[in-house]
Amino acid sequence: MTSSTKNKMRLEYVASGCSFLRITYNDVYDHIDTVNGYFSEINEKNGHYFSLLFNAYTESRFGECFEKFKPAIYKVHADSGGLQLVTRGTEAAIQTKRNIYKIQAKYAHIGMSFDEIPVILPKKKSKRGDLSGRFFDRDNLKSFAKMSGENLKDQIETFLELKTECEPFMIIHGNDVDTAIEWTETLLDQIPEELRCHIGGIAMGGGSFGNGVKEALLRAFLAGHILKERNDLPNKRIHFLGLGSLRNSFPFISMMNSGHYLPEWTISYDSTTHTSGHHLGNYLNKNGKLVPFGRDNTHVYQFIHDEICSNVKTYKDHNQSRDELHKLLNSPVRKYVDDGGKFEDILHANLGIATSSIINFTRKLNEYQGNFKTFLKDLVPPNNWNLYQQAAKINSMDSYLYFDRHLGKMLDSKQTPEKTTGSLDEFF
């Protein structure tokens, strides 16, 4: 096992679902300093940068709002909205895509490419939780990769024309090692070599691979393998889509501890878990455990209030009481303000609890890189320790294939089949 100092790299927490923080309300423009006070307490803490994400298709107005927060954060990421178009059964016209690129170029530092997802949904429009109708489209993998490459080329050229600092991230799909590599080669074949240096990094798509532990480990390994093998991708940055829990960090924590990911690389991941957690009655405490709470003003609110004050100076300085925190977290925003309440108090309650959860999350995640035994002790049943330790030794194609051949079947697997079904929502 590697030492606690080897391969220690800077991570980037990218907050999505930002409407849950109430920072996208028009009222926020009178309280920019308050918001930036909270974000400044997360950024460059616990070995993490802190960034924000919005969807350039469904949340385009967020871009202008996020401009005000840039002094306090690291970067703004903008998703392309490709998944939303697929799940709505909508085909994006070229002009729709270019409008998305322009929004990314204007407001973001990172713009996810418009990927054509190689998953077939027989039902024209899928519903959240609907597990019928999804399967990996192996027959059309190459054509989807070709279209994705053409989209990425158009995105790069649009960014260059607009002279923006925004960098596109290439999204990689597949269902196994061979199809992921074929996807990558086909996609990059559509992009002239002199333009590939403008690709800011890569992200591994989830829907075509599946959402088991085995598939997550495969995606994490492939991301590192592709960056090592492709000298025409000089920006060594990997983004993981939708990291909801500490347990789900296992794949990339393994790759960092094995040395498969190099220290000079940047690893980012986005999450809605902590921005939305308090709306779902969940708070992440200092031990990395979820603390559920309801609408009743129980002792749990006192515990949460005290921990927020311990973690977040901006909240402590506002002198919000436990009873006020309870009321504000359980009050509709507009009704509270219309009844004479202050919007600033709403912001402190929502940002305070979310900021504290994020700080607790990044603290634990930073602890786990270089200290895999602590990860095992905290999150993995003892009977699986040896299996996970072997995964944390993967640092080459040979070692991955050896692990997959001899131990891979012991990991939970939910590979997207070439027939049968599902909604894409669970992967993002």
Protein backbone atom coordinates (compact mmCIF):
# COMPACT_ATOMS: atom_id res chain seq x y z
CA MET A 1 0.00 0.00 0.00
CA THR A 2 1.25 3.45 -0.85
CA SER A 3 2.30 5.94 1.78
CA SER A 4 0.18 8.87 2.89
CA THR A 5 2.27 11.36 0.90
CA LYS A 6 2.64 9.53 -2.41
CA ASN A 7 0.33 10.63 -5.21
CA LYS A 8 -1.40 13.28 -3.09
CA MET A 9 -3.18 15.40 -5.67
CA ARG A 10 -5.48 18.38 -5.67
CA LEU A 11 -9.15 17.51 -6.05
CA GLU A 12 -11.99 19.70 -7.27
CA TYR A 13 -15.49 19.55 -5.78
CA VAL A 14 -18.05 20.81 -8.32
CA ALA A 15 -21.41 21.70 -6.78
CA SER A 16 -24.43 21.01 -8.96
CA GLY A 17 -28.09 21.45 -8.09
CA CYS A 18 -27.30 25.01 -7.03
CA SER A 19 -30.94 26.12 -7.06
CA PHE A 20 -31.30 24.20 -3.77
CA LEU A 21 -28.93 26.75 -2.19
CA ARG A 22 -31.32 29.61 -3.12
CA ILE A 23 -28.42 31.37 -4.86
CA THR A 24 -30.24 31.54 -8.20
CA TYR A 25 -33.09 33.72 -6.88
CA ASN A 26 -33.12 37.32 -8.13
CA ASP A 27 -32.97 38.44 -4.47
CA VAL A 28 -29.40 37.11 -4.27
CA TYR A 29 -27.94 40.07 -6.16
CA ASP A 30 -28.24 42.14 -2.97
CA HIS A 31 -26.27 39.51 -1.01
CA ILE A 32 -23.33 38.53 -3.22
CA ASP A 33 -20.82 39.12 -0.42
CA THR A 34 -22.74 36.72 1.83
CA VAL A 35 -22.67 33.94 -0.78
CA ASN A 36 -19.01 34.52 -1.57
CA GLY A 37 -18.20 34.41 2.13
CA TYR A 38 -19.46 30.83 2.28
CA PHE A 39 -17.80 29.74 -0.96
CA SER A 40 -14.48 31.20 0.14
CA GLU A 41 -14.59 28.91 3.18
CA ILE A 42 -14.80 25.81 0.96
CA ASN A 43 -12.41 26.76 -1.85
CA GLU A 44 -8.82 25.60 -1.35
CA LYS A 45 -9.69 23.76 1.84
CA ASN A 46 -9.12 20.06 2.60
CA GLY A 47 -7.01 19.62 -0.54
CA HIS A 48 -9.92 20.71 -2.72
CA TYR A 49 -10.80 23.48 -5.08
CA PHE A 50 -14.48 24.44 -5.09
CA SER A 51 -16.45 25.06 -8.30
CA LEU A 52 -20.04 25.44 -9.47
CA LEU A 53 -21.91 23.69 -12.28
CA PHE A 54 -24.97 24.65 -14.28
CA ASN A 55 -26.74 23.04 -17.22
CA ALA A 56 -26.37 25.23 -20.31
CA TYR A 57 -29.55 23.76 -21.80
CA THR A 58 -31.97 23.73 -18.85
CA GLU A 59 -30.35 26.33 -16.54
CA SER A 60 -28.91 28.83 -19.00
CA ARG A 61 -29.86 31.85 -16.87
CA PHE A 62 -27.61 30.56 -14.06
CA GLY A 63 -24.55 31.53 -16.06
CA GLU A 64 -25.03 35.26 -15.54
CA CYS A 65 -25.77 34.72 -11.85
CA PHE A 66 -22.59 32.68 -11.35
CA GLU A 67 -20.49 35.54 -12.75
CA LYS A 68 -20.89 37.25 -9.38
CA PHE A 69 -19.45 34.25 -7.53
CA LYS A 70 -16.30 33.78 -9.61
CA PRO A 71 -14.03 35.75 -7.22
CA ALA A 72 -14.77 33.20 -4.46
CA ILE A 73 -14.61 29.92 -6.40
CA TYR A 74 -12.19 28.05 -8.64
CA LYS A 75 -14.14 27.47 -11.86
CA VAL A 76 -17.59 27.38 -13.39
CA HIS A 77 -18.54 24.17 -15.24
CA ALA A 78 -21.38 24.04 -17.77
CA ASP A 79 -23.01 20.78 -18.80
CA SER A 80 -24.25 20.49 -22.37
CA GLY A 81 -27.73 19.15 -21.60
CA GLY A 82 -27.27 16.16 -23.88
CA LEU A 83 -28.66 13.72 -21.32
CA GLN A 84 -31.78 15.83 -20.78
CA LEU A 85 -32.43 15.93 -24.52
CA VAL A 86 -32.08 12.14 -24.78
CA THR A 87 -34.37 11.39 -21.84
CA ARG A 88 -36.97 13.78 -23.22
CA GLY A 89 -36.87 12.05 -26.59
CA THR A 90 -35.67 15.26 -28.27
CA GLU A 91 -33.08 15.54 -31.04
CA ALA A 92 -30.84 18.58 -30.86
CA ALA A 93 -30.51 20.65 -34.01
CA ILE A 94 -27.10 22.06 -34.93
CA GLN A 95 -28.23 25.56 -33.94
CA THR A 96 -29.42 24.30 -30.55
CA LYS A 97 -25.97 22.84 -29.90
CA ARG A 98 -24.23 26.03 -31.01
CA ASN A 99 -26.42 28.10 -28.73
CA ILE A 100 -25.33 25.84 -25.88
CA TYR A 101 -21.67 26.28 -26.84
CA LYS A 102 -22.12 30.06 -26.81
CA ILE A 103 -23.57 29.97 -23.31
CA GLN A 104 -20.67 27.77 -22.16
CA ALA A 105 -18.18 30.10 -23.84
CA LYS A 106 -19.66 33.20 -22.23
CA TYR A 107 -20.01 32.03 -18.66
CA ALA A 108 -17.95 28.88 -17.99
CA HIS A 109 -14.35 27.73 -17.68
CA ILE A 110 -15.24 24.10 -18.47
CA GLY A 111 -17.85 23.06 -21.04
CA MET A 112 -18.91 19.41 -21.29
CA SER A 113 -19.07 18.24 -24.87
CA PHE A 114 -22.31 17.25 -26.54
CA ASP A 115 -22.07 13.46 -26.53
CA GLU A 116 -24.30 11.15 -28.53
CA ILE A 117 -24.98 8.44 -25.94
CA PRO A 118 -24.77 4.87 -27.34
CA VAL A 119 -27.78 3.63 -25.43
CA ILE A 120 -31.08 2.68 -27.02
CA LEU A 121 -34.31 3.74 -25.36
CA PRO A 122 -37.19 2.11 -27.29
CA LYS A 123 -39.69 4.32 -25.50
CA LYS A 124 -39.49 7.75 -27.08
CA LYS A 125 -39.47 9.48 -23.72
CA SER A 126 -38.18 7.89 -20.51
CA LYS A 127 -39.37 8.57 -16.99
CA ARG A 128 -37.24 8.78 -13.86
CA GLY A 129 -37.08 5.34 -12.27
CA ASP A 130 -38.33 3.57 -15.40
CA LEU A 131 -36.06 0.54 -15.86
CA SER A 132 -37.60 -0.72 -19.09
CA GLY A 133 -36.07 -0.07 -22.48
CA ARG A 134 -32.35 0.62 -22.03
CA PHE A 135 -29.49 -1.30 -23.59
CA PHE A 136 -26.03 -0.68 -24.97
CA ASP A 137 -26.01 -0.04 -28.73
CA ARG A 138 -22.86 -1.86 -29.81
CA ASP A 139 -23.86 -1.92 -33.48
CA ASN A 140 -23.96 1.88 -33.70
CA LEU A 141 -21.10 2.65 -31.30
CA LYS A 142 -18.83 3.89 -34.07
CA SER A 143 -21.44 6.17 -35.62
CA PHE A 144 -22.29 7.68 -32.21
CA ALA A 145 -18.59 8.22 -31.52
CA LYS A 146 -18.16 9.84 -34.93
CA MET A 147 -21.08 12.22 -34.28
CA SER A 148 -19.71 13.01 -30.81
CA GLY A 149 -16.34 13.82 -32.37
CA GLU A 150 -17.97 16.11 -34.90
CA ASN A 151 -19.81 17.85 -32.05
CA LEU A 152 -16.58 18.29 -30.11
CA LYS A 153 -14.80 19.68 -33.18
CA ASP A 154 -17.61 22.19 -33.69
CA GLN A 155 -17.47 23.12 -29.99
CA ILE A 156 -13.69 23.70 -30.13
CA GLU A 157 -13.98 25.82 -33.27
CA THR A 158 -16.83 27.85 -31.72
CA PHE A 159 -14.76 28.48 -28.59
CA LEU A 160 -11.75 29.54 -30.67
CA GLU A 161 -13.91 31.86 -32.77
CA LEU A 162 -15.35 33.46 -29.62
CA LYS A 163 -11.88 33.72 -28.02
CA THR A 164 -13.17 32.27 -24.76
CA GLU A 165 -11.21 30.79 -21.87
CA CYS A 166 -13.74 27.93 -21.70
CA GLU A 167 -12.26 24.49 -22.41
CA PRO A 168 -14.32 21.53 -23.66
CA PHE A 169 -14.24 18.16 -21.91
CA MET A 170 -14.50 15.05 -24.04
CA ILE A 171 -16.98 12.42 -22.79
CA ILE A 172 -16.02 8.79 -23.29
CA HIS A 173 -18.55 5.98 -23.65
CA GLY A 174 -18.32 2.23 -24.05
CA ASN A 175 -19.32 -0.99 -22.35
CA ASP A 176 -15.94 -2.61 -21.76
CA VAL A 177 -12.24 -1.96 -22.40
CA ASP A 178 -12.36 -2.58 -26.15
CA THR A 179 -15.45 -0.50 -26.89
CA ALA A 180 -14.22 2.44 -24.77
CA ILE A 181 -10.90 2.49 -26.64
CA GLU A 182 -12.69 2.17 -29.98
CA TRP A 183 -14.96 5.07 -28.98
CA THR A 184 -11.97 7.23 -28.05
CA GLU A 185 -10.06 6.52 -31.26
CA THR A 186 -13.10 7.06 -33.48
CA LEU A 187 -14.05 10.29 -31.72
CA LEU A 188 -10.54 11.77 -31.92
CA ASP A 189 -10.24 10.80 -35.59
CA GLN A 190 -12.87 13.48 -36.28
CA ILE A 191 -10.72 16.19 -34.73
CA PRO A 192 -7.60 17.51 -36.50
CA GLU A 193 -4.49 16.88 -34.43
CA GLU A 194 -3.74 20.59 -34.12
CA LEU A 195 -7.11 21.10 -32.37
CA ARG A 196 -6.77 18.29 -29.81
CA CYS A 197 -4.62 20.42 -27.51
CA HIS A 198 -7.75 22.50 -26.85
CA ILE A 199 -9.53 19.54 -25.20
CA GLY A 200 -9.47 20.45 -21.52
CA GLY A 201 -9.85 16.93 -20.15
CA ILE A 202 -12.03 13.83 -20.21
CA ALA A 203 -15.14 12.58 -18.44
CA MET A 204 -16.36 8.99 -18.38
CA GLY A 205 -20.03 8.59 -19.32
CA GLY A 206 -22.06 6.28 -17.11
CA GLY A 207 -25.12 5.13 -19.01
CA SER A 208 -23.41 2.89 -21.57
CA PHE A 209 -21.17 1.13 -19.02
CA GLY A 210 -23.59 0.53 -16.18
CA ASN A 211 -23.71 1.58 -12.54
CA GLY A 212 -22.25 -1.27 -10.49
CA VAL A 213 -18.99 -1.08 -8.53
CA LYS A 214 -17.27 -3.16 -11.21
CA GLU A 215 -18.32 -0.74 -13.96
CA ALA A 216 -17.29 2.29 -11.88
CA LEU A 217 -13.84 0.76 -11.34
CA LEU A 218 -13.55 0.11 -15.09
CA ARG A 219 -14.39 3.75 -15.89
CA ALA A 220 -11.89 5.04 -13.35
CA PHE A 221 -9.14 2.78 -14.70
CA LEU A 222 -9.87 3.64 -18.34
CA ALA A 223 -9.74 7.37 -17.67
CA GLY A 224 -6.17 7.07 -16.43
CA HIS A 225 -5.16 4.60 -19.13
CA ILE A 226 -6.44 6.83 -21.94
CA LEU A 227 -4.67 9.92 -20.59
CA LYS A 228 -1.41 7.98 -20.30
CA GLU A 229 -1.65 6.48 -23.78
CA ARG A 230 -2.80 9.58 -25.69
CA ASN A 231 0.05 12.06 -26.09
CA ASP A 232 -2.30 14.19 -28.19
CA LEU A 233 -4.33 14.95 -25.03
CA PRO A 234 -1.91 17.18 -23.11
CA ASN A 235 -4.43 18.38 -20.50
CA LYS A 236 -4.43 15.60 -17.92
CA ARG A 237 -7.73 16.23 -16.18
CA ILE A 238 -10.46 13.73 -15.33
CA HIS A 239 -14.02 14.55 -14.33
CA PHE A 240 -16.35 12.08 -12.61
CA LEU A 241 -20.06 12.59 -13.13
CA GLY A 242 -22.35 12.51 -10.10
CA LEU A 243 -20.37 11.41 -7.03
CA GLY A 244 -23.06 11.09 -4.41
CA SER A 245 -21.35 9.37 -1.48
CA LEU A 246 -17.97 8.66 0.07
CA ARG A 247 -18.42 4.96 -0.64
CA ASN A 248 -18.80 5.72 -4.35
CA SER A 249 -15.37 7.37 -4.37
CA PHE A 250 -13.76 3.91 -4.16
CA PRO A 251 -12.79 3.65 -7.87
CA PHE A 252 -10.82 6.87 -8.15
CA ILE A 253 -9.47 6.66 -4.59
CA SER A 254 -8.10 3.25 -5.63
CA MET A 255 -6.46 4.69 -8.73
CA MET A 256 -4.87 7.51 -6.74
CA ASN A 257 -3.52 5.15 -4.11
CA SER A 258 -2.12 2.73 -6.71
CA GLY A 259 -0.25 5.50 -8.53
CA HIS A 260 -2.29 4.98 -11.70
CA TYR A 261 -3.25 8.66 -11.51
CA LEU A 262 -0.22 10.93 -11.53
CA PRO A 263 0.22 13.65 -8.88
CA GLU A 264 0.23 16.49 -11.42
CA TRP A 265 -3.21 15.52 -12.76
CA THR A 266 -6.43 17.17 -11.59
CA ILE A 267 -9.42 15.06 -10.55
CA SER A 268 -12.82 16.76 -10.37
CA TYR A 269 -16.24 15.40 -9.53
CA ASP A 270 -19.70 16.91 -9.37
CA SER A 271 -22.35 16.28 -6.75
CA THR A 272 -25.88 17.41 -5.91
CA THR A 273 -25.95 15.37 -2.70
CA HIS A 274 -24.87 18.16 -0.35
CA THR A 275 -26.55 21.11 -2.08
CA SER A 276 -29.88 19.25 -1.93
CA GLY A 277 -29.33 17.17 1.20
CA HIS A 278 -31.07 19.47 3.67
CA HIS A 279 -34.15 19.57 1.42
CA LEU A 280 -34.27 15.78 1.66
CA GLY A 281 -33.65 15.72 5.40
CA ASN A 282 -29.98 14.69 5.33
CA TYR A 283 -26.84 16.25 6.79
CA LEU A 284 -23.31 14.82 6.47
CA ASN A 285 -21.48 15.01 9.79
CA LYS A 286 -17.74 15.22 10.56
CA ASN A 287 -17.44 11.44 10.61
CA GLY A 288 -18.80 11.18 7.09
CA LYS A 289 -22.13 9.74 8.27
CA LEU A 290 -25.54 10.92 7.13
CA VAL A 291 -27.64 12.41 9.91
CA PRO A 292 -31.37 12.31 9.01
CA PHE A 293 -33.69 15.00 10.30
CA GLY A 294 -37.36 15.82 9.86
CA ARG A 295 -39.58 18.85 10.27
CA ASP A 296 -39.93 18.53 14.04
CA ASN A 297 -37.53 20.71 16.04
CA THR A 298 -35.72 17.86 17.80
CA HIS A 299 -32.28 17.70 19.43
CA VAL A 300 -30.85 16.81 16.00
CA TYR A 301 -31.21 20.45 14.96
CA GLN A 302 -29.07 21.47 17.94
CA PHE A 303 -26.37 18.99 16.90
CA ILE A 304 -26.42 20.22 13.29
CA HIS A 305 -26.45 23.87 14.37
CA ASP A 306 -23.45 23.38 16.66
CA GLU A 307 -21.46 21.55 13.99
CA ILE A 308 -22.19 24.22 11.38
CA CYS A 309 -20.94 26.87 13.81
CA SER A 310 -17.80 24.82 14.38
CA ASN A 311 -17.15 24.37 10.65
CA VAL A 312 -18.30 27.62 9.07
CA LYS A 313 -17.21 31.02 10.39
CA THR A 314 -19.57 32.98 8.11
CA TYR A 315 -22.55 31.17 9.62
CA LYS A 316 -21.29 31.49 13.20
CA ASP A 317 -20.76 35.23 12.78
CA HIS A 318 -24.37 35.66 11.62
CA ASN A 319 -25.58 34.48 15.07
CA GLN A 320 -28.47 32.41 13.76
CA SER A 321 -30.04 30.33 16.54
CA ARG A 322 -31.00 26.66 16.40
CA ASP A 323 -34.71 27.60 16.41
CA GLU A 324 -34.16 30.05 13.55
CA LEU A 325 -32.27 27.40 11.58
CA HIS A 326 -35.16 24.98 12.05
CA LYS A 327 -37.73 27.55 10.95
CA LEU A 328 -35.75 28.72 7.91
CA LEU A 329 -35.04 25.21 6.62
CA ASN A 330 -38.75 24.41 6.82
CA SER A 331 -40.21 27.62 5.39
CA PRO A 332 -41.10 28.24 1.72
CA VAL A 333 -38.84 31.06 0.54
CA ARG A 334 -41.42 33.34 -1.02
CA LYS A 335 -43.91 32.98 1.82
CA TYR A 336 -41.20 33.70 4.40
CA VAL A 337 -40.09 36.85 2.59
CA ASP A 338 -43.65 38.00 1.86
CA ASP A 339 -44.43 37.67 5.57
CA GLY A 340 -41.62 40.09 6.38
CA GLY A 341 -38.68 37.71 6.75
CA LYS A 342 -35.24 38.52 5.38
CA PHE A 343 -33.98 36.69 2.31
CA GLU A 344 -30.47 36.95 3.74
CA ASP A 345 -31.51 34.71 6.65
CA ILE A 346 -32.75 32.11 4.16
CA LEU A 347 -29.36 32.21 2.46
CA HIS A 348 -27.45 31.74 5.72
CA ALA A 349 -29.53 28.70 6.68
CA ASN A 350 -29.27 26.97 3.30
CA LEU A 351 -25.64 27.86 2.64
CA GLY A 352 -24.61 27.14 6.23
CA ILE A 353 -25.84 23.56 6.33
CA ALA A 354 -24.69 22.78 2.76
CA THR A 355 -21.26 24.33 3.31
CA SER A 356 -20.75 22.34 6.48
CA SER A 357 -21.72 19.08 4.73
CA ILE A 358 -19.34 19.83 1.85
CA ILE A 359 -16.47 20.63 4.22
CA ASN A 360 -17.07 17.35 6.05
CA PHE A 361 -17.18 15.45 2.76
CA THR A 362 -13.99 16.95 1.33
CA ARG A 363 -12.16 16.46 4.63
CA LYS A 364 -12.89 12.71 4.59
CA LEU A 365 -12.13 12.32 0.89
CA ASN A 366 -8.80 14.11 1.28
CA GLU A 367 -8.02 11.80 4.20
CA TYR A 368 -8.67 8.71 2.08
CA GLN A 369 -6.20 9.47 -0.68
CA GLY A 370 -2.90 8.06 0.52
CA ASN A 371 -4.64 6.33 3.42
CA PHE A 372 -6.62 3.53 1.83
CA LYS A 373 -6.77 1.53 5.06
CA THR A 374 -8.85 4.28 6.65
CA PHE A 375 -11.23 4.15 3.66
CA LEU A 376 -11.60 0.39 4.15
CA LYS A 377 -12.16 0.71 7.88
CA ASP A 378 -14.79 3.44 7.47
CA LEU A 379 -16.75 2.17 4.49
CA VAL A 380 -16.06 -1.45 3.51
CA PRO A 381 -17.16 -4.65 5.31
CA PRO A 382 -14.07 -6.53 6.61
CA ASN A 383 -14.80 -9.58 4.45
CA ASN A 384 -14.23 -7.36 1.34
CA TRP A 385 -11.04 -5.67 2.50
CA ASN A 386 -8.67 -7.95 0.57
CA LEU A 387 -10.71 -7.58 -2.62
CA TYR A 388 -10.65 -3.78 -2.41
CA GLN A 389 -6.94 -3.76 -1.51
CA GLN A 390 -6.19 -5.74 -4.65
CA ALA A 391 -8.19 -3.21 -6.70
CA ALA A 392 -6.06 -0.44 -5.19
CA LYS A 393 -2.98 -2.02 -6.80
CA ILE A 394 -4.24 -1.57 -10.37
CA ASN A 395 -1.86 0.76 -12.25
CA SER A 396 -1.61 -0.67 -15.78
CA MET A 397 -3.66 -2.48 -18.39
CA ASP A 398 -2.05 -5.80 -17.45
CA SER A 399 -2.85 -5.36 -13.76
CA TYR A 400 -6.42 -4.32 -14.54
CA LEU A 401 -7.02 -7.31 -16.82
CA TYR A 402 -5.49 -9.66 -14.23
CA PHE A 403 -7.76 -8.26 -11.50
CA ASP A 404 -10.81 -8.41 -13.75
CA ARG A 405 -10.09 -11.99 -14.77
CA HIS A 406 -9.52 -13.35 -11.27
CA LEU A 407 -11.43 -11.05 -8.90
CA GLY A 408 -13.72 -8.84 -10.98
CA LYS A 409 -16.67 -11.20 -10.65
CA MET A 410 -16.63 -10.61 -6.89
CA LEU A 411 -17.53 -6.93 -7.31
CA ASP A 412 -21.13 -5.83 -7.61
CA SER A 413 -21.87 -5.56 -11.33
CA LYS A 414 -24.74 -3.80 -13.09
CA GLN A 415 -23.40 -3.68 -16.61
CA THR A 416 -25.69 -2.13 -19.18
CA PRO A 417 -26.80 -5.13 -21.25
CA GLU A 418 -27.10 -5.27 -25.01
CA LYS A 419 -30.75 -6.02 -24.50
CA THR A 420 -33.20 -5.18 -21.67
CA THR A 421 -33.73 -1.77 -20.28
CA GLY A 422 -33.71 1.44 -18.29
CA SER A 423 -33.70 5.13 -17.59
CA LEU A 424 -30.42 7.04 -17.81
CA ASP A 425 -31.21 9.22 -14.79
CA GLU A 426 -29.68 6.79 -12.27
CA PHE A 427 -26.21 7.20 -13.76
CA PHE A 428 -25.91 10.97 -13.35
